[in-house]
Protein backbone atom coordinates (compact mmCIF):
# COMPACT_ATOMS: atom_id res chain seq x y z
CA MET A 1 -24.03 -15.62 17.85
CA ILE A 2 -21.14 -18.34 17.08
CA ALA A 3 -17.99 -18.43 19.06
CA GLN A 4 -15.22 -20.56 18.37
CA LEU A 5 -12.79 -22.24 20.77
CA SER A 6 -9.62 -23.81 18.98
CA ARG A 7 -7.02 -23.85 22.21
CA PRO A 8 -7.44 -25.48 25.59
CA GLN A 9 -7.08 -22.47 27.50
CA ASP A 10 -10.37 -20.59 25.44
CA ALA A 11 -12.42 -23.11 27.62
CA THR A 12 -12.91 -21.33 31.07
CA ALA A 13 -13.62 -22.94 34.20
CA ALA A 14 -17.22 -21.11 33.01
CA VAL A 15 -17.22 -22.43 29.42
CA ARG A 16 -16.74 -26.01 30.66
CA ARG A 17 -19.51 -25.78 33.23
CA ALA A 18 -21.90 -24.61 30.66
CA LEU A 19 -20.69 -27.07 28.26
CA SER A 20 -21.69 -29.71 31.26
CA ALA A 21 -25.11 -28.13 32.04
CA CYS A 22 -25.74 -27.95 28.60
CA TRP A 23 -24.98 -31.83 27.83
CA THR A 24 -26.65 -32.91 30.93
CA ALA A 25 -30.32 -31.22 29.80
CA VAL A 26 -30.11 -32.59 26.36
CA VAL A 27 -29.13 -36.00 27.34
CA ASN A 28 -32.24 -36.21 29.79
CA ALA A 29 -34.47 -35.02 27.01
CA GLY A 30 -33.52 -37.66 25.56
CA GLY A 31 -31.05 -36.55 22.93
CA ALA A 32 -28.91 -38.84 21.39
CA VAL A 33 -25.21 -37.60 22.24
CA VAL A 34 -23.96 -39.85 25.10
CA PRO A 35 -20.47 -40.21 25.47
CA MET A 36 -18.77 -43.85 25.27
CA ASP A 37 -17.60 -43.64 29.41
CA CYS A 38 -20.97 -42.06 30.39
CA PRO A 39 -24.06 -44.11 31.99
CA LEU A 40 -27.01 -44.11 30.00
CA PRO A 41 -29.99 -41.11 31.22
CA PRO A 42 -30.62 -40.03 33.63
CA VAL A 43 -27.08 -38.41 33.91
CA THR A 44 -25.44 -35.82 35.98
CA GLU A 45 -23.32 -33.02 35.21
CA ALA A 46 -20.46 -34.36 37.29
CA ALA A 47 -20.85 -37.89 34.89
CA LEU A 48 -20.61 -35.53 31.79
CA ARG A 49 -17.20 -33.70 33.09
CA PRO A 50 -14.57 -36.07 32.12
CA ALA A 51 -15.71 -36.25 28.44
CA VAL A 52 -16.13 -32.47 28.49
CA GLY A 53 -12.50 -32.13 29.37
CA ARG A 54 -11.27 -34.48 27.11
CA ILE A 55 -12.93 -32.35 24.67
CA THR A 56 -11.42 -29.01 25.79
CA ARG A 57 -7.95 -30.51 26.34
CA GLY A 58 -7.66 -31.75 22.74
CA LEU A 59 -8.40 -28.49 21.32
CA SER A 60 -6.13 -27.24 18.69
CA PRO A 61 -6.43 -24.78 15.83
CA GLU A 62 -5.42 -27.50 12.89
CA ASN A 63 -7.34 -30.69 14.59
CA SER A 64 -10.14 -30.10 16.49
CA ARG A 65 -12.77 -26.77 17.01
CA LEU A 66 -15.56 -26.58 19.86
CA LEU A 67 -18.53 -24.35 18.19
CA LEU A 68 -20.38 -22.45 20.60
CA ALA A 69 -23.67 -21.18 19.92
CA THR A 70 -25.14 -18.45 22.46
CA VAL A 71 -28.86 -16.46 22.35
CA ASP A 72 -28.78 -13.34 24.50
CA GLY A 73 -25.65 -14.55 26.35
CA ALA A 74 -26.86 -18.56 27.57
CA LEU A 75 -25.27 -21.43 25.98
CA ALA A 76 -28.05 -22.65 23.44
CA GLY A 77 -26.03 -25.51 21.76
CA TRP A 78 -22.69 -26.40 20.74
CA LEU A 79 -20.74 -29.11 18.29
CA LEU A 80 -17.39 -30.37 18.18
CA LEU A 81 -15.58 -30.38 14.47
CA ARG A 82 -12.28 -32.41 14.22
CA ARG A 83 -9.77 -33.64 11.95
CA GLU A 84 -9.42 -36.99 11.43
CA PRO A 85 -6.63 -37.80 12.44
CA HIS A 86 -4.98 -40.91 10.15
CA PRO A 87 -3.06 -39.73 6.88
CA LEU A 88 -5.17 -41.15 4.79
CA VAL A 89 -8.45 -39.34 5.85
CA ALA A 90 -6.85 -36.41 7.22
CA HIS A 91 -8.83 -34.29 4.35
CA CYS A 92 -12.29 -35.20 5.84
CA GLY A 93 -13.64 -33.82 9.43
CA VAL A 94 -15.70 -35.33 12.02
CA VAL A 95 -18.82 -33.33 13.39
CA ASN A 96 -19.91 -34.76 16.90
CA HIS A 97 -21.82 -33.87 19.59
CA VAL A 98 -24.36 -31.90 17.85
CA GLN A 99 -26.75 -30.40 20.44
CA THR A 100 -29.37 -27.53 21.09
CA GLN A 101 -30.90 -26.95 24.52
CA ALA A 102 -34.55 -27.79 24.33
CA HIS A 103 -36.02 -24.40 24.70
CA PHE A 104 -34.01 -23.01 21.81
CA ARG A 105 -34.92 -25.65 19.53
CA GLY A 106 -36.66 -24.22 16.44
CA MET A 107 -34.86 -21.11 16.35
CA GLY A 108 -32.49 -22.18 13.81
CA VAL A 109 -29.31 -23.03 16.49
CA GLY A 110 -28.78 -25.99 14.85
CA ILE A 111 -28.54 -24.88 11.65
CA ALA A 112 -26.66 -22.03 12.53
CA LEU A 113 -23.92 -24.29 14.10
CA MET A 114 -24.13 -26.43 11.05
CA ARG A 115 -23.73 -24.00 8.62
CA HIS A 116 -21.00 -22.21 10.64
CA ALA A 117 -19.03 -26.11 10.94
CA GLN A 118 -18.88 -26.26 7.36
CA ARG A 119 -17.53 -22.66 6.86
CA VAL A 120 -14.25 -23.34 9.32
CA GLY A 121 -14.16 -27.10 8.18
CA ARG A 122 -13.78 -25.49 4.58
CA ASP A 123 -12.29 -22.41 5.10
CA GLU A 124 -9.88 -22.59 8.12
CA MET A 125 -8.88 -25.98 8.69
CA GLY A 126 -8.80 -27.11 4.77
CA LEU A 127 -11.01 -29.86 5.05
CA GLU A 128 -12.77 -31.38 1.92
CA ARG A 129 -15.51 -33.79 3.62
CA LEU A 130 -17.70 -34.34 7.01
CA GLN A 131 -18.81 -36.87 8.43
CA LEU A 132 -21.06 -37.67 11.08
CA ALA A 133 -23.29 -40.53 12.89
CA VAL A 134 -27.05 -40.24 13.94
CA ARG A 135 -29.15 -42.71 15.83
CA SER A 136 -32.37 -43.52 14.11
CA GLY A 137 -35.52 -43.72 15.49
CA LEU A 138 -35.48 -39.34 16.51
CA GLY A 139 -35.75 -37.88 13.26
CA LEU A 140 -32.40 -36.58 13.17
CA GLU A 141 -31.52 -37.45 9.76
CA GLU A 142 -34.07 -35.28 8.12
CA PHE A 143 -32.46 -32.36 9.95
CA TYR A 144 -29.21 -33.04 8.40
CA ARG A 145 -30.93 -34.05 5.07
CA LYS A 146 -32.18 -30.26 5.00
CA ALA A 147 -28.76 -29.34 5.97
CA GLY A 148 -27.38 -30.55 2.98
CA TRP A 149 -26.11 -34.15 4.41
CA THR A 150 -26.36 -37.64 2.38
CA GLU A 151 -26.88 -40.95 4.25
CA VAL A 152 -24.26 -43.15 2.94
CA GLY A 153 -24.72 -46.39 5.07
CA ARG A 154 -26.22 -47.91 7.97
CA TRP A 155 -25.28 -49.90 10.80
CA PRO A 156 -28.56 -51.97 11.45
CA GLY A 157 -29.24 -52.14 14.93
CA ALA A 158 -26.11 -50.86 16.11
CA LEU A 159 -27.20 -48.71 18.73
CA ARG A 160 -29.28 -50.26 21.92
CA VAL A 161 -31.02 -47.66 23.82
CA ALA A 162 -32.45 -50.40 26.10
CA PRO A 163 -33.48 -53.66 25.99
CA GLY A 164 -35.73 -54.14 23.16
CA ASP A 165 -35.19 -51.13 21.70
CA ASP A 166 -32.25 -51.20 19.08
CA ARG A 167 -31.82 -48.78 17.07
CA ASP A 168 -29.82 -47.80 13.30
CA GLU A 169 -26.37 -45.80 13.35
CA ILE A 170 -27.22 -43.63 10.38
CA LEU A 171 -23.81 -42.12 8.59
CA MET A 172 -23.69 -39.28 6.89
CA SER A 173 -21.41 -37.31 4.59
CA LEU A 174 -21.30 -33.93 3.49
CA ALA A 175 -18.69 -32.38 0.74
CA LEU A 176 -17.16 -29.34 1.26
């Protein structure tokens, strides 16, 4: 089941706790979704709470939606879909923080989230294109290709995971 939150008040304390717990588990399992102001793994839920707070406070029907996938009532994964704020690119959306709990991977949670994001972006937000960036070396680009996304560029060595472990940032796009 996929739920959509589009207003800050939709993100109850229980939802925010579930988001922080999921994000912590995903990052500590090797996931690529580390927010700007968070230390590199291992992370704690406390370290991720400020990022969850920023995301939930910024929700708005026109510009920012949070999609939550649940399995048997448990948060299995989530993503953020937001409209680009600048008028020149306001027809484009950005997908951020795509994550699936490790024990729910391979069950179709990620692809269900991505398909729902496409529908919401096109049908509810009036977007014409989505974009995202992924870290190379984890096979993520193949997941997105299977979901219909196209690689449109790379920033070689842009992401330093650890000393001596630089990864490309892969830029991907999907026409709606």
